[in-house]
Amino acid sequence: YYHIFTLTESVETEVSRALNISVIMATQDVDWVEHTSVMDTDTAKREFKKYLMDEMELNNNYEKFDDDGKFLYQLIIENSDIHKSPAKYEGDGQIQMSTVTLKNILPAKFKVPFKASSNNIRTDD
């Protein structure tokens, strides 16, 4: 169970980081200066996918394999909610992973739910 917990926590952290970076990259400098929370939703979606591919090293199906080509997990994004203003990007779904231990108890592949979000609320100081 420790493997399931640590993998789930790791993937959720990376997805949260991807959402945070995508919101930051999609917010223009003028909006930061003016303390407004507005972002380009197309840029945010593009940056999110870029992070999943480049940093998390997922393939086009959002699958992760180890160096030997063994399947580790697949990120299944079921819902994505994005707002231009105030800037907000949320996603939820499931992490499908292979059974490492307890193969007699767990199926060969099983899914664990995840939910992550990023908000960019700017207010005047």
C-alpha atoms as a PDB file:
ATOM      1  CA  TYR A   1       0.000   0.000   0.000  1.00  0.00           C
ATOM      2  CA  TYR A   2       2.948   2.302   0.577  1.00  0.00           C
ATOM      3  CA  HIS A   3       3.792   2.128  -3.139  1.00  0.00           C
ATOM      4  CA  ILE A   4       0.217   3.109  -4.056  1.00  0.00           C
ATOM      5  CA  PHE A   5       0.241   5.993  -1.580  1.00  0.00           C
ATOM      6  CA  THR A   6       3.629   7.396  -2.623  1.00  0.00           C
ATOM      7  CA  LEU A   7       2.919   7.102  -6.345  1.00  0.00           C
ATOM      8  CA  THR A   8      -0.463   8.787  -5.933  1.00  0.00           C
ATOM      9  CA  GLU A   9       1.047  11.604  -3.849  1.00  0.00           C
ATOM     10  CA  SER A  10       3.857  12.085  -6.357  1.00  0.00           C
ATOM     11  CA  VAL A  11       1.532  12.258  -9.360  1.00  0.00           C
ATOM     12  CA  GLU A  12      -0.895  14.618  -7.567  1.00  0.00           C
ATOM     13  CA  THR A  13       2.006  16.915  -6.656  1.00  0.00           C
ATOM     14  CA  GLU A  14       3.248  16.965 -10.244  1.00  0.00           C
ATOM     15  CA  VAL A  15      -0.240  17.649 -11.630  1.00  0.00           C
ATOM     16  CA  SER A  16      -0.683  20.505  -9.126  1.00  0.00           C
ATOM     17  CA  ARG A  17       2.690  21.895 -10.167  1.00  0.00           C
ATOM     18  CA  ALA A  18       1.682  21.614 -13.836  1.00  0.00           C
ATOM     19  CA  LEU A  19      -1.549  23.512 -13.161  1.00  0.00           C
ATOM     20  CA  ASN A  20       0.262  26.225 -11.174  1.00  0.00           C
ATOM     21  CA  ILE A  21       2.892  26.722 -13.866  1.00  0.00           C
ATOM     22  CA  SER A  22       0.302  26.796 -16.634  1.00  0.00           C
ATOM     23  CA  VAL A  23      -1.695  29.514 -14.829  1.00  0.00           C
ATOM     24  CA  ILE A  24       1.458  31.578 -14.221  1.00  0.00           C
ATOM     25  CA  MET A  25       2.603  31.220 -17.833  1.00  0.00           C
ATOM     26  CA  ALA A  26      -0.863  32.155 -19.133  1.00  0.00           C
ATOM     27  CA  THR A  27      -1.115  35.360 -17.097  1.00  0.00           C
ATOM     28  CA  GLN A  28       0.347  38.402 -18.854  1.00  0.00           C
ATOM     29  CA  ASP A  29       2.826  40.651 -17.079  1.00  0.00           C
ATOM     30  CA  VAL A  30       0.494  43.649 -17.330  1.00  0.00           C
ATOM     31  CA  ASP A  31      -2.152  41.702 -15.406  1.00  0.00           C
ATOM     32  CA  TRP A  32       0.385  40.880 -12.677  1.00  0.00           C
ATOM     33  CA  VAL A  33       1.342  44.562 -12.398  1.00  0.00           C
ATOM     34  CA  GLU A  34      -2.286  45.692 -12.289  1.00  0.00           C
ATOM     35  CA  HIS A  35      -3.140  43.048  -9.657  1.00  0.00           C
ATOM     36  CA  THR A  36      -5.756  41.418 -11.857  1.00  0.00           C
ATOM     37  CA  SER A  37      -6.393  37.720 -12.205  1.00  0.00           C
ATOM     38  CA  VAL A  38      -6.854  37.158 -15.932  1.00  0.00           C
ATOM     39  CA  MET A  39      -5.238  34.464 -18.038  1.00  0.00           C
ATOM     40  CA  ASP A  40      -5.227  33.193 -21.592  1.00  0.00           C
ATOM     41  CA  THR A  41      -6.998  29.830 -21.289  1.00  0.00           C
ATOM     42  CA  ASP A  42      -5.530  28.442 -24.533  1.00  0.00           C
ATOM     43  CA  THR A  43      -2.008  29.176 -23.306  1.00  0.00           C
ATOM     44  CA  ALA A  44      -2.809  27.568 -19.951  1.00  0.00           C
ATOM     45  CA  LYS A  45      -4.035  24.372 -21.636  1.00  0.00           C
ATOM     46  CA  ARG A  46      -0.961  24.276 -23.879  1.00  0.00           C
ATOM     47  CA  GLU A  47       1.437  24.823 -20.962  1.00  0.00           C
ATOM     48  CA  PHE A  48      -0.304  22.163 -18.875  1.00  0.00           C
ATOM     49  CA  LYS A  49       0.064  19.561 -21.628  1.00  0.00           C
ATOM     50  CA  LYS A  50       3.665  20.653 -22.235  1.00  0.00           C
ATOM     51  CA  TYR A  51       4.507  20.078 -18.566  1.00  0.00           C
ATOM     52  CA  LEU A  52       2.922  16.620 -18.605  1.00  0.00           C
ATOM     53  CA  MET A  53       4.956  15.636 -21.654  1.00  0.00           C
ATOM     54  CA  ASP A  54       8.280  17.364 -20.949  1.00  0.00           C
ATOM     55  CA  GLU A  55       8.619  17.323 -17.166  1.00  0.00           C
ATOM     56  CA  MET A  56       6.573  14.283 -16.177  1.00  0.00           C
ATOM     57  CA  GLU A  57       7.743  12.449 -19.311  1.00  0.00           C
ATOM     58  CA  LEU A  58       4.298  11.113 -20.192  1.00  0.00           C
ATOM     59  CA  ASN A  59       3.501   9.980 -23.726  1.00  0.00           C
ATOM     60  CA  ASN A  60       0.528  11.143 -25.819  1.00  0.00           C
ATOM     61  CA  ASN A  61      -1.762   8.809 -23.860  1.00  0.00           C
ATOM     62  CA  TYR A  62      -0.419  10.270 -20.583  1.00  0.00           C
ATOM     63  CA  GLU A  63       1.329   6.998 -19.778  1.00  0.00           C
ATOM     64  CA  LYS A  64       4.578   6.712 -17.839  1.00  0.00           C
ATOM     65  CA  PHE A  65       7.096   3.907 -18.398  1.00  0.00           C
ATOM     66  CA  ASP A  66      10.358   3.206 -16.586  1.00  0.00           C
ATOM     67  CA  ASP A  67      13.745   3.064 -18.345  1.00  0.00           C
ATOM     68  CA  ASP A  68      13.206  -0.606 -19.188  1.00  0.00           C
ATOM     69  CA  GLY A  69       9.860   0.116 -20.858  1.00  0.00           C
ATOM     70  CA  LYS A  70       7.758  -1.264 -18.016  1.00  0.00           C
ATOM     71  CA  PHE A  71       4.379   0.435 -17.504  1.00  0.00           C
ATOM     72  CA  LEU A  72       4.258   2.515 -14.305  1.00  0.00           C
ATOM     73  CA  TYR A  73       1.011   4.463 -14.518  1.00  0.00           C
ATOM     74  CA  GLN A  74      -1.405   6.327 -16.745  1.00  0.00           C
ATOM     75  CA  LEU A  75      -2.921   9.688 -15.895  1.00  0.00           C
ATOM     76  CA  ILE A  76      -6.586   9.717 -16.906  1.00  0.00           C
ATOM     77  CA  ILE A  77      -7.962  13.266 -16.857  1.00  0.00           C
ATOM     78  CA  GLU A  78     -11.735  12.997 -16.703  1.00  0.00           C
ATOM     79  CA  ASN A  79     -12.706  16.608 -16.022  1.00  0.00           C
ATOM     80  CA  SER A  80     -10.951  19.879 -16.649  1.00  0.00           C
ATOM     81  CA  ASP A  81     -12.383  23.219 -15.551  1.00  0.00           C
ATOM     82  CA  ILE A  82     -10.644  26.415 -16.612  1.00  0.00           C
ATOM     83  CA  HIS A  83     -11.679  30.031 -15.987  1.00  0.00           C
ATOM     84  CA  LYS A  84     -10.190  33.123 -17.571  1.00  0.00           C
ATOM     85  CA  SER A  85     -11.031  35.478 -14.700  1.00  0.00           C
ATOM     86  CA  PRO A  86     -10.390  34.973 -11.925  1.00  0.00           C
ATOM     87  CA  ALA A  87      -7.691  32.666 -13.228  1.00  0.00           C
ATOM     88  CA  LYS A  88      -8.474  29.136 -12.147  1.00  0.00           C
ATOM     89  CA  TYR A  89      -7.571  25.721 -13.537  1.00  0.00           C
ATOM     90  CA  GLU A  90      -8.820  22.466 -12.029  1.00  0.00           C
ATOM     91  CA  GLY A  91      -8.549  18.871 -13.073  1.00  0.00           C
ATOM     92  CA  ASP A  92      -9.587  15.524 -11.734  1.00  0.00           C
ATOM     93  CA  GLY A  93      -9.552  11.947 -12.838  1.00  0.00           C
ATOM     94  CA  GLN A  94      -7.774   8.743 -12.043  1.00  0.00           C
ATOM     95  CA  ILE A  95      -4.280   7.338 -11.896  1.00  0.00           C
ATOM     96  CA  GLN A  96      -4.208   3.847 -13.328  1.00  0.00           C
ATOM     97  CA  MET A  97      -1.266   1.844 -12.054  1.00  0.00           C
ATOM     98  CA  SER A  98       0.046  -1.687 -12.156  1.00  0.00           C
ATOM     99  CA  THR A  99       0.060  -3.947  -9.148  1.00  0.00           C
ATOM    100  CA  VAL A 100       3.566  -4.279  -7.720  1.00  0.00           C
ATOM    101  CA  THR A 101       2.803  -6.396  -4.678  1.00  0.00           C
ATOM    102  CA  LEU A 102      -0.330  -8.114  -3.382  1.00  0.00           C
ATOM    103  CA  LYS A 103      -0.969  -9.484  -6.859  1.00  0.00           C
ATOM    104  CA  ASN A 104      -3.330 -12.094  -5.412  1.00  0.00           C
ATOM    105  CA  ILE A 105      -5.519  -9.391  -3.866  1.00  0.00           C
ATOM    106  CA  LEU A 106      -5.406  -6.505  -6.346  1.00  0.00           C
ATOM    107  CA  PRO A 107      -6.168  -6.659 -10.077  1.00  0.00           C
ATOM    108  CA  ALA A 108      -3.247  -6.324 -12.534  1.00  0.00           C
ATOM    109  CA  LYS A 109      -4.188  -2.662 -13.083  1.00  0.00           C
ATOM    110  CA  PHE A 110      -6.318  -0.515 -10.812  1.00  0.00           C
ATOM    111  CA  LYS A 111      -7.299   3.143 -10.550  1.00  0.00           C
ATOM    112  CA  VAL A 112      -6.929   5.703  -7.768  1.00  0.00           C
ATOM    113  CA  PRO A 113      -8.816   9.032  -7.992  1.00  0.00           C
ATOM    114  CA  PHE A 114      -7.024  12.400  -7.940  1.00  0.00           C
ATOM    115  CA  LYS A 115      -8.039  16.048  -7.898  1.00  0.00           C
ATOM    116  CA  ALA A 116      -5.830  19.116  -8.291  1.00  0.00           C
ATOM    117  CA  SER A 117      -6.361  22.841  -8.821  1.00  0.00           C
ATOM    118  CA  SER A 118      -4.609  26.159  -9.183  1.00  0.00           C
ATOM    119  CA  ASN A 119      -6.057  29.570  -8.379  1.00  0.00           C
ATOM    120  CA  ASN A 120      -4.523  32.948  -9.106  1.00  0.00           C
ATOM    121  CA  ILE A 121      -6.356  35.514  -7.008  1.00  0.00           C
ATOM    122  CA  ARG A 122      -4.727  38.932  -7.170  1.00  0.00           C
ATOM    123  CA  THR A 123      -5.701  41.711  -4.779  1.00  0.00           C
ATOM    124  CA  ASP A 124      -4.307  45.165  -4.106  1.00  0.00           C
ATOM    125  CA  ASP A 125      -1.856  45.385  -1.241  1.00  0.00           C
END
